[in-house]
């Protein structure tokens, strides 16, 4: 009976395994029939295993198998999707790694250029500092000369003021 009802039902397995399922169904039916007899002997109440109960058992097996198969199919699809995502991520990571290597090279070149510019700016700053110090020295010398001239001017004006009365007398003496 199980052979007839399960022959056309699709079970994802080899023919040998499918035949074992059919044989197991029959064995289980025989065990249930034996337990019904034991039940009668022990409790003196009759229970029967009918063809309808056997067909119900086969139908229950089919329903449970269909449910579990669909569940496993869903899990399998999710796993396939997850693996595809992981493979995409691997490709992205490999590409980003290549880009990172290129960016590191660019960064090394830019860093070298920045160091060169910094060195040049530092050298120019030192040169500017030297020029500034030289200009400051020239300014200090010029200021010293200006100060000396101011002192000489003040002394000359003082002498001029001292000589002014004599100049006035000399001007007055010339008619």
N, C-alpha and C. Protein backbone atom coordinates (compact mmCIF):
# COMPACT_ATOMS: atom_id res chain seq x y z
N UNK A 1 0.84 -1.19 0.00
CA UNK A 1 0.00 0.00 0.00
C UNK A 1 0.88 1.25 0.00
N UNK A 2 1.89 1.27 0.88
CA UNK A 2 2.77 2.43 0.94
C UNK A 2 3.49 2.59 -0.39
N UNK A 3 3.83 1.47 -1.04
CA UNK A 3 4.51 1.52 -2.33
C UNK A 3 3.64 2.26 -3.34
N UNK A 4 2.35 1.96 -3.32
CA UNK A 4 1.43 2.59 -4.27
C UNK A 4 1.31 4.10 -4.02
N UNK A 5 1.17 4.52 -2.76
CA UNK A 5 0.93 5.92 -2.44
C UNK A 5 2.21 6.77 -2.45
N UNK A 6 3.34 6.14 -2.24
CA UNK A 6 4.60 6.90 -2.22
C UNK A 6 5.38 6.81 -3.52
N UNK A 7 4.97 5.93 -4.44
CA UNK A 7 5.70 5.75 -5.70
C UNK A 7 5.68 7.04 -6.53
N UNK A 8 4.52 7.69 -6.60
CA UNK A 8 4.42 8.91 -7.41
C UNK A 8 4.79 10.17 -6.61
N UNK A 9 4.99 10.02 -5.31
CA UNK A 9 5.32 11.18 -4.47
C UNK A 9 6.83 11.45 -4.55
N UNK A 10 7.17 12.70 -4.81
CA UNK A 10 8.58 13.05 -4.98
C UNK A 10 9.27 13.16 -3.61
N UNK A 11 10.27 12.31 -3.44
CA UNK A 11 11.12 12.37 -2.24
C UNK A 11 12.55 12.56 -2.75
N UNK A 12 13.23 13.54 -2.21
CA UNK A 12 14.58 13.88 -2.65
C UNK A 12 15.56 12.87 -2.06
N UNK A 13 15.71 11.72 -2.76
CA UNK A 13 16.63 10.67 -2.29
C UNK A 13 16.83 9.66 -3.41
N UNK A 14 17.66 8.66 -3.12
CA UNK A 14 17.89 7.60 -4.10
C UNK A 14 16.73 6.61 -4.04
N UNK A 15 16.67 5.74 -5.03
CA UNK A 15 15.59 4.74 -5.07
C UNK A 15 15.68 3.77 -3.89
N UNK A 16 16.92 3.45 -3.47
CA UNK A 16 17.08 2.53 -2.34
C UNK A 16 16.52 3.14 -1.06
N UNK A 17 16.80 4.42 -0.85
CA UNK A 17 16.30 5.08 0.36
C UNK A 17 14.78 5.17 0.31
N UNK A 18 14.23 5.45 -0.87
CA UNK A 18 12.78 5.54 -1.01
C UNK A 18 12.13 4.18 -0.70
N UNK A 19 12.77 3.12 -1.17
CA UNK A 19 12.25 1.78 -0.88
C UNK A 19 12.33 1.49 0.62
N UNK A 20 13.40 1.98 1.27
CA UNK A 20 13.53 1.79 2.72
C UNK A 20 12.43 2.54 3.46
N UNK A 21 12.05 3.72 2.98
CA UNK A 21 10.95 4.48 3.59
C UNK A 21 9.66 3.70 3.47
N UNK A 22 9.42 3.13 2.29
CA UNK A 22 8.20 2.33 2.07
C UNK A 22 8.19 1.12 3.02
N UNK A 23 9.33 0.43 3.13
CA UNK A 23 9.41 -0.73 4.02
C UNK A 23 9.21 -0.31 5.48
N UNK A 24 9.77 0.85 5.86
CA UNK A 24 9.63 1.33 7.24
C UNK A 24 8.17 1.64 7.54
N UNK A 25 7.47 2.21 6.57
CA UNK A 25 6.03 2.49 6.76
C UNK A 25 5.27 1.20 7.06
N UNK A 26 5.57 0.15 6.29
CA UNK A 26 4.91 -1.14 6.53
C UNK A 26 5.28 -1.70 7.88
N UNK A 27 6.55 -1.59 8.27
CA UNK A 27 7.00 -2.11 9.56
C UNK A 27 6.29 -1.37 10.70
N UNK A 28 6.17 -0.07 10.56
CA UNK A 28 5.50 0.72 11.60
C UNK A 28 4.04 0.30 11.71
N UNK A 29 3.39 0.05 10.57
CA UNK A 29 1.99 -0.39 10.58
C UNK A 29 1.87 -1.73 11.32
N UNK A 30 2.83 -2.63 11.06
CA UNK A 30 2.80 -3.93 11.74
C UNK A 30 3.01 -3.76 13.25
N UNK A 31 3.93 -2.87 13.64
CA UNK A 31 4.19 -2.64 15.07
C UNK A 31 2.93 -2.09 15.75
N UNK A 32 2.25 -1.14 15.09
CA UNK A 32 1.02 -0.57 15.66
C UNK A 32 -0.03 -1.68 15.80
N UNK A 33 -0.15 -2.55 14.81
CA UNK A 33 -1.13 -3.66 14.90
C UNK A 33 -0.79 -4.55 16.09
N UNK A 34 0.50 -4.83 16.30
CA UNK A 34 0.91 -5.65 17.44
C UNK A 34 0.59 -4.96 18.76
N UNK A 35 0.78 -3.65 18.83
CA UNK A 35 0.49 -2.90 20.06
C UNK A 35 -1.02 -2.90 20.34
N UNK A 36 -1.82 -2.89 19.29
CA UNK A 36 -3.28 -2.94 19.48
C UNK A 36 -3.66 -4.27 20.16
N UNK A 37 -3.01 -5.34 19.75
CA UNK A 37 -3.28 -6.64 20.37
C UNK A 37 -2.84 -6.63 21.82
N UNK A 38 -1.66 -6.10 22.10
CA UNK A 38 -1.17 -6.00 23.48
C UNK A 38 -2.12 -5.17 24.32
N UNK A 39 -2.63 -4.10 23.74
CA UNK A 39 -3.55 -3.21 24.45
C UNK A 39 -4.81 -3.99 24.84
N UNK A 40 -5.32 -4.81 23.91
CA UNK A 40 -6.51 -5.59 24.20
C UNK A 40 -6.23 -6.60 25.32
N UNK A 41 -5.08 -7.26 25.27
CA UNK A 41 -4.74 -8.24 26.28
C UNK A 41 -4.57 -7.60 27.65
N UNK A 42 -4.09 -6.43 27.69
CA UNK A 42 -3.83 -5.77 28.98
C UNK A 42 -5.08 -5.11 29.54
N UNK A 43 -5.80 -4.33 28.69
CA UNK A 43 -6.93 -3.52 29.19
C UNK A 43 -8.29 -4.07 28.76
N UNK A 44 -8.32 -5.11 27.98
CA UNK A 44 -9.55 -5.73 27.52
C UNK A 44 -10.43 -4.76 26.75
N UNK A 45 -9.78 -3.88 26.03
CA UNK A 45 -10.50 -2.94 25.15
C UNK A 45 -9.93 -3.09 23.75
N UNK A 46 -10.81 -3.11 22.79
CA UNK A 46 -10.40 -3.33 21.42
C UNK A 46 -10.05 -2.00 20.73
N UNK A 47 -8.90 -1.99 20.02
CA UNK A 47 -8.53 -0.90 19.12
C UNK A 47 -8.13 -1.56 17.82
N UNK A 48 -8.34 -0.86 16.74
CA UNK A 48 -8.09 -1.46 15.44
C UNK A 48 -7.19 -0.56 14.60
N UNK A 49 -6.40 -1.20 13.81
CA UNK A 49 -5.62 -0.49 12.80
C UNK A 49 -6.34 -0.74 11.50
N UNK A 50 -6.85 0.33 10.94
CA UNK A 50 -7.64 0.21 9.71
C UNK A 50 -6.83 0.71 8.53
N UNK A 51 -7.25 0.34 7.36
CA UNK A 51 -6.57 0.89 6.18
C UNK A 51 -6.64 2.42 6.15
N UNK A 52 -7.75 2.95 6.67
CA UNK A 52 -7.90 4.40 6.70
C UNK A 52 -6.86 5.02 7.63
N UNK A 53 -6.60 4.41 8.79
CA UNK A 53 -5.58 4.95 9.70
C UNK A 53 -4.19 4.84 9.08
N UNK A 54 -3.97 3.76 8.30
CA UNK A 54 -2.68 3.61 7.62
C UNK A 54 -2.50 4.69 6.56
N UNK A 55 -3.57 4.94 5.80
CA UNK A 55 -3.51 5.98 4.79
C UNK A 55 -3.35 7.36 5.43
N UNK A 56 -3.97 7.55 6.57
CA UNK A 56 -3.81 8.81 7.32
C UNK A 56 -2.35 8.96 7.77
N UNK A 57 -1.74 7.84 8.20
CA UNK A 57 -0.32 7.86 8.60
C UNK A 57 0.57 8.25 7.42
N UNK A 58 0.29 7.66 6.25
CA UNK A 58 1.07 8.00 5.05
C UNK A 58 0.83 9.47 4.66
N UNK A 59 -0.43 9.91 4.74
CA UNK A 59 -0.73 11.32 4.44
C UNK A 59 -0.02 12.27 5.39
N UNK A 60 0.03 11.92 6.67
CA UNK A 60 0.75 12.74 7.65
C UNK A 60 2.23 12.81 7.33
N UNK A 61 2.79 11.64 6.93
CA UNK A 61 4.20 11.63 6.54
C UNK A 61 4.44 12.57 5.36
N UNK A 62 3.54 12.50 4.35
CA UNK A 62 3.69 13.37 3.18
C UNK A 62 3.62 14.85 3.58
N UNK A 63 2.69 15.20 4.44
CA UNK A 63 2.52 16.60 4.85
C UNK A 63 3.75 17.08 5.62
N UNK A 64 4.24 16.26 6.54
CA UNK A 64 5.42 16.65 7.32
C UNK A 64 6.64 16.75 6.39
N UNK A 65 6.77 15.78 5.46
CA UNK A 65 7.90 15.82 4.52
C UNK A 65 7.84 17.08 3.66
N UNK A 66 6.65 17.41 3.16
CA UNK A 66 6.48 18.60 2.32
C UNK A 66 6.85 19.87 3.10
N UNK A 67 6.39 19.95 4.34
CA UNK A 67 6.68 21.12 5.19
C UNK A 67 8.19 21.23 5.45
N UNK A 68 8.81 20.13 5.84
CA UNK A 68 10.25 20.15 6.14
C UNK A 68 11.07 20.42 4.88
N UNK A 69 10.64 19.85 3.76
CA UNK A 69 11.35 20.07 2.50
C UNK A 69 11.30 21.54 2.09
N UNK A 70 10.12 22.15 2.26
CA UNK A 70 9.98 23.59 1.95
C UNK A 70 10.84 24.42 2.89
N UNK A 71 10.87 24.05 4.16
CA UNK A 71 11.69 24.77 5.14
C UNK A 71 13.16 24.68 4.78
N UNK A 72 13.59 23.46 4.45
CA UNK A 72 14.99 23.28 4.05
C UNK A 72 15.30 24.02 2.75
N UNK A 73 14.34 24.05 1.83
CA UNK A 73 14.53 24.80 0.59
C UNK A 73 14.71 26.28 0.87
N UNK A 74 13.90 26.79 1.79
CA UNK A 74 14.02 28.19 2.18
C UNK A 74 15.38 28.47 2.82
N UNK A 75 15.78 27.58 3.72
CA UNK A 75 17.09 27.75 4.36
C UNK A 75 18.22 27.63 3.33
N UNK A 76 18.05 26.72 2.39
CA UNK A 76 19.06 26.55 1.34
C UNK A 76 19.16 27.80 0.49
N UNK A 77 18.02 28.38 0.16
CA UNK A 77 18.02 29.61 -0.64
C UNK A 77 18.67 30.76 0.12
N UNK A 78 18.36 30.84 1.40
CA UNK A 78 18.98 31.88 2.23
C UNK A 78 20.49 31.68 2.29
N UNK A 79 20.91 30.42 2.39
CA UNK A 79 22.34 30.13 2.43
C UNK A 79 22.99 30.50 1.11
N UNK A 80 22.33 30.16 -0.01
CA UNK A 80 22.86 30.52 -1.32
C UNK A 80 22.97 32.04 -1.46
N UNK A 81 21.95 32.74 -1.00
CA UNK A 81 21.98 34.20 -1.06
C UNK A 81 23.11 34.74 -0.19
N UNK A 82 23.26 34.18 1.00
CA UNK A 82 24.34 34.60 1.89
C UNK A 82 25.71 34.35 1.29
N UNK A 83 25.87 33.19 0.67
CA UNK A 83 27.14 32.88 0.02
C UNK A 83 27.42 33.82 -1.15
N UNK A 84 26.36 34.14 -1.89
CA UNK A 84 26.53 35.08 -3.01
C UNK A 84 26.97 36.44 -2.47
N UNK A 85 26.34 36.86 -1.36
CA UNK A 85 26.72 38.15 -0.74
C UNK A 85 28.16 38.10 -0.26
N UNK A 86 28.56 36.97 0.33
CA UNK A 86 29.95 36.84 0.78
C UNK A 86 30.92 36.89 -0.40
N UNK A 87 30.54 36.28 -1.50
CA UNK A 87 31.40 36.30 -2.68
C UNK A 87 31.50 37.72 -3.24
N UNK A 88 30.36 38.44 -3.24
CA UNK A 88 30.38 39.83 -3.68
C UNK A 88 31.26 40.66 -2.75
N UNK A 89 31.14 40.40 -1.46
CA UNK A 89 31.97 41.14 -0.49
C UNK A 89 33.44 40.84 -0.70
N UNK A 90 33.75 39.59 -1.01
CA UNK A 90 35.15 39.23 -1.26
C UNK A 90 35.70 39.98 -2.46
N UNK A 91 34.90 40.05 -3.53
CA UNK A 91 35.33 40.79 -4.72
C UNK A 91 35.53 42.26 -4.37
N UNK A 92 34.59 42.82 -3.61
CA UNK A 92 34.70 44.23 -3.21
C UNK A 92 35.92 44.45 -2.35
N UNK A 93 36.17 43.55 -1.42
CA UNK A 93 37.33 43.69 -0.53
C UNK A 93 38.62 43.61 -1.35
N UNK A 94 38.68 42.67 -2.31
CA UNK A 94 39.87 42.57 -3.16
C UNK A 94 40.09 43.84 -3.96
N UNK A 95 38.99 44.37 -4.51
CA UNK A 95 39.10 45.60 -5.30
C UNK A 95 39.53 46.76 -4.40
N UNK A 96 38.92 46.85 -3.21
CA UNK A 96 39.29 47.92 -2.29
C UNK A 96 40.73 47.78 -1.81
N UNK A 97 41.19 46.55 -1.68
CA UNK A 97 42.59 46.32 -1.29
C UNK A 97 43.53 46.84 -2.37
N UNK A 98 43.19 46.57 -3.63
CA UNK A 98 44.01 47.09 -4.74
C UNK A 98 44.00 48.61 -4.73
N UNK A 99 42.81 49.19 -4.54
CA UNK A 99 42.71 50.65 -4.49
C UNK A 99 43.50 51.20 -3.32
N UNK A 100 43.47 50.49 -2.21
CA UNK A 100 44.21 50.94 -1.02
C UNK A 100 45.71 50.94 -1.30
N UNK A 101 46.20 49.92 -1.99
CA UNK A 101 47.62 49.87 -2.34
C UNK A 101 47.97 51.07 -3.21
N UNK A 102 47.09 51.37 -4.19
CA UNK A 102 47.35 52.52 -5.07
C UNK A 102 47.31 53.82 -4.27
N UNK A 103 46.35 53.93 -3.37
CA UNK A 103 46.23 55.15 -2.55
C UNK A 103 47.44 55.29 -1.63
N UNK A 104 47.93 54.16 -1.12
CA UNK A 104 49.12 54.22 -0.26
C UNK A 104 50.32 54.71 -1.06
N UNK A 105 50.44 54.26 -2.32
CA UNK A 105 51.53 54.74 -3.17
C UNK A 105 51.38 56.25 -3.41
N UNK A 106 50.15 56.67 -3.73
CA UNK A 106 49.91 58.10 -3.95
C UNK A 106 50.21 58.89 -2.68
N UNK A 107 49.81 58.33 -1.55
CA UNK A 107 50.06 58.99 -0.27
C UNK A 107 51.55 59.09 0.02
N UNK A 108 52.29 58.05 -0.31
CA UNK A 108 53.75 58.08 -0.10
C UNK A 108 54.39 59.15 -0.98
N UNK A 109 53.93 59.24 -2.23
CA UNK A 109 54.46 60.28 -3.13
C UNK A 109 54.10 61.66 -2.61
N UNK A 110 52.85 61.85 -2.20
CA UNK A 110 52.41 63.14 -1.67
C UNK A 110 53.17 63.49 -0.39
N UNK A 111 53.40 62.50 0.44
CA UNK A 111 54.15 62.72 1.69
C UNK A 111 55.58 63.14 1.37
N UNK A 112 56.19 62.50 0.38
CA UNK A 112 57.56 62.85 -0.02
C UNK A 112 57.60 64.28 -0.55
N UNK A 113 56.61 64.63 -1.38
CA UNK A 113 56.55 65.99 -1.90
C UNK A 113 56.34 66.99 -0.77
N UNK A 114 55.48 66.65 0.18
CA UNK A 114 55.24 67.54 1.31
C UNK A 114 56.51 67.73 2.12
N UNK A 115 57.27 66.65 2.30
CA UNK A 115 58.55 66.76 3.02
C UNK A 115 59.52 67.66 2.27
N UNK A 116 59.55 67.52 0.93
CA UNK A 116 60.43 68.37 0.14
C UNK A 116 60.02 69.84 0.25
N UNK A 117 58.71 70.08 0.16
CA UNK A 117 58.21 71.46 0.28
C UNK A 117 58.52 72.01 1.66
N UNK A 118 58.32 71.19 2.69
CA UNK A 118 58.62 71.62 4.06
C UNK A 118 60.10 71.96 4.20
N UNK A 119 60.97 71.13 3.62
CA UNK A 119 62.41 71.39 3.67
C UNK A 119 62.73 72.70 2.96
N UNK A 120 62.13 72.90 1.78
CA UNK A 120 62.36 74.13 1.02
C UNK A 120 61.87 75.35 1.79
N UNK A 121 60.68 75.23 2.38
CA UNK A 121 60.13 76.34 3.16
C UNK A 121 61.01 76.62 4.37
N UNK A 122 61.49 75.57 5.01
CA UNK A 122 62.37 75.75 6.16
C UNK A 122 63.66 76.45 5.74
N UNK A 123 64.23 76.02 4.61
CA UNK A 123 65.46 76.65 4.13
C UNK A 123 65.21 78.12 3.80
N UNK A 124 64.08 78.40 3.14
CA UNK A 124 63.75 79.79 2.81
C UNK A 124 63.49 80.60 4.06
N UNK A 125 62.89 79.99 5.07
CA UNK A 125 62.65 80.69 6.34
C UNK A 125 63.97 81.02 7.01
N UNK A 126 64.92 80.07 6.97
CA UNK A 126 66.24 80.35 7.55
C UNK A 126 66.93 81.48 6.77
N UNK A 127 66.84 81.43 5.43
CA UNK A 127 67.45 82.48 4.61
C UNK A 127 66.79 83.82 4.91
N UNK A 128 65.46 83.81 5.04
CA UNK A 128 64.74 85.04 5.36
C UNK A 128 65.17 85.56 6.73
N UNK A 129 65.36 84.63 7.66
CA UNK A 129 65.80 85.03 9.01
C UNK A 129 67.19 85.67 8.95
N UNK A 130 68.07 85.11 8.12
CA UNK A 130 69.42 85.69 7.96
C UNK A 130 69.33 87.08 7.36
N UNK A 131 68.49 87.22 6.31
CA UNK A 131 68.32 88.52 5.68
C UNK A 131 67.74 89.51 6.68
N UNK A 132 66.77 89.04 7.46
CA UNK A 132 66.15 89.91 8.47
C UNK A 132 67.20 90.37 9.47
N UNK A 133 68.05 89.44 9.90
CA UNK A 133 69.10 89.81 10.87
C UNK A 133 70.06 90.81 10.24
N UNK A 134 70.41 90.63 8.96
CA UNK A 134 71.31 91.56 8.28
C UNK A 134 70.65 92.94 8.15
N UNK A 135 69.37 92.94 7.79
CA UNK A 135 68.64 94.20 7.68
C UNK A 135 68.57 94.88 9.04
N UNK A 136 68.35 94.07 10.09
CA UNK A 136 68.28 94.63 11.45
C UNK A 136 69.63 95.25 11.82
N UNK A 137 70.72 94.57 11.44
CA UNK A 137 72.05 95.12 11.74
C UNK A 137 72.27 96.44 11.00
N UNK A 138 71.87 96.48 9.71
CA UNK A 138 72.00 97.72 8.93
C UNK A 138 71.13 98.81 9.55
N UNK A 139 69.93 98.44 9.97
CA UNK A 139 69.02 99.40 10.60
C UNK A 139 69.63 99.93 11.89
N UNK A 140 70.20 99.01 12.68
CA UNK A 140 70.83 99.43 13.94
C UNK A 140 72.00 100.38 13.67
N UNK A 141 72.78 100.08 12.65
CA UNK A 141 73.90 100.96 12.30
C UNK A 141 73.37 102.32 11.85
N UNK A 142 72.34 102.29 10.98
CA UNK A 142 71.77 103.55 10.50
C UNK A 142 71.20 104.35 11.65
N UNK A 143 70.55 103.66 12.59
CA UNK A 143 69.96 104.34 13.76
C UNK A 143 71.07 104.94 14.62
N UNK A 144 72.18 104.22 14.73
CA UNK A 144 73.30 104.76 15.50
C UNK A 144 73.83 106.01 14.83
N UNK A 145 73.94 105.99 13.49
CA UNK A 145 74.41 107.18 12.76
C UNK A 145 73.43 108.32 12.94
N UNK A 146 72.11 108.03 12.85
CA UNK A 146 71.08 109.06 13.04
C UNK A 146 71.19 109.62 14.45
N UNK A 147 71.39 108.73 15.43
CA UNK A 147 71.53 109.22 16.81
C UNK A 147 72.76 110.12 16.94
N UNK A 148 73.90 109.71 16.33
CA UNK A 148 75.12 110.54 16.38
C UNK A 148 74.89 111.88 15.70
N UNK A 149 74.18 111.86 14.56
CA UNK A 149 73.89 113.11 13.85
C UNK A 149 73.01 113.99 14.71
N UNK A 150 72.02 113.40 15.38
CA UNK A 150 71.13 114.18 16.25
C UNK A 150 71.93 114.81 17.38
N UNK A 151 72.88 114.04 17.94
CA UNK A 151 73.70 114.59 19.02
C UNK A 151 74.56 115.73 18.47
N UNK A 152 75.18 115.50 17.27
CA UNK A 152 76.02 116.55 16.66
C UNK A 152 75.18 117.77 16.31
N UNK A 153 73.95 117.55 15.82
CA UNK A 153 73.06 118.65 15.46
C UNK A 153 72.72 119.46 16.69
N UNK A 154 72.39 118.73 17.78
CA UNK A 154 72.04 119.43 19.02
C UNK A 154 73.23 120.25 19.51
N UNK A 155 74.44 119.70 19.41
CA UNK A 155 75.64 120.42 19.84
C UNK A 155 75.86 121.62 18.93
N UNK A 156 75.64 121.44 17.61
CA UNK A 156 75.83 122.54 16.67
C UNK A 156 74.81 123.63 16.90
N UNK A 157 73.59 123.28 17.18
CA UNK A 157 72.56 124.29 17.46
C UNK A 157 72.87 125.03 18.74
N UNK A 158 73.41 124.30 19.70
CA UNK A 158 73.78 124.94 20.97
C UNK A 158 74.91 125.96 20.74
N UNK A 159 75.87 125.58 19.92
CA UNK A 159 76.97 126.50 19.60
C UNK A 159 76.45 127.68 18.79
N UNK A 160 75.46 127.39 17.90
CA UNK A 160 74.87 128.47 17.10
C UNK A 160 74.15 129.45 17.99
N UNK A 161 73.45 128.94 18.96
CA UNK A 161 72.73 129.81 19.90
C UNK A 161 73.72 130.62 20.72
N UNK A 162 74.81 129.99 21.08
CA UNK A 162 75.82 130.72 21.86
C UNK A 162 76.46 131.79 20.98
N UNK A 163 76.59 131.53 19.69
CA UNK A 163 77.24 132.48 18.80
C UNK A 163 76.25 133.49 18.23
N UNK A 164 74.99 133.36 18.41
CA UNK A 164 73.98 134.23 17.85
C UNK A 164 74.15 135.67 18.33
N UNK A 165 74.36 135.93 19.61
CA UNK A 165 74.51 137.34 19.99
C UNK A 165 75.68 137.98 19.26
N UNK A 166 76.74 137.22 19.05
CA UNK A 166 77.88 137.79 18.35
C UNK A 166 77.50 138.04 16.90
N UNK A 167 76.72 137.15 16.31
CA UNK A 167 76.28 137.31 14.94
C UNK A 167 75.40 138.54 14.82
N UNK A 168 74.57 138.78 15.78
CA UNK A 168 73.68 139.93 15.78
C UNK A 168 74.50 141.21 15.87
N UNK A 169 75.52 141.20 16.68
CA UNK A 169 76.37 142.39 16.82
C UNK A 169 77.10 142.60 15.52
N UNK A 170 77.53 141.55 14.86
CA UNK A 170 78.26 141.71 13.63
C UNK A 170 77.33 142.24 12.54
N UNK A 171 76.07 141.79 12.54
CA UNK A 171 75.11 142.25 11.57
C UNK A 171 74.82 143.74 11.82
N UNK A 172 74.70 144.11 13.05
CA UNK A 172 74.39 145.48 13.39
C UNK A 172 75.57 146.37 13.07
N UNK A 173 76.79 145.86 13.20
CA UNK A 173 77.96 146.68 12.90
C UNK A 173 78.03 146.90 11.39
N UNK A 174 77.53 146.17 10.53
CA UNK A 174 77.57 146.37 9.09
C UNK A 174 76.33 147.25 8.77
N UNK A 175 76.26 148.11 9.15
CA UNK A 175 75.11 148.95 8.86
C UNK A 175 73.89 148.25 8.66
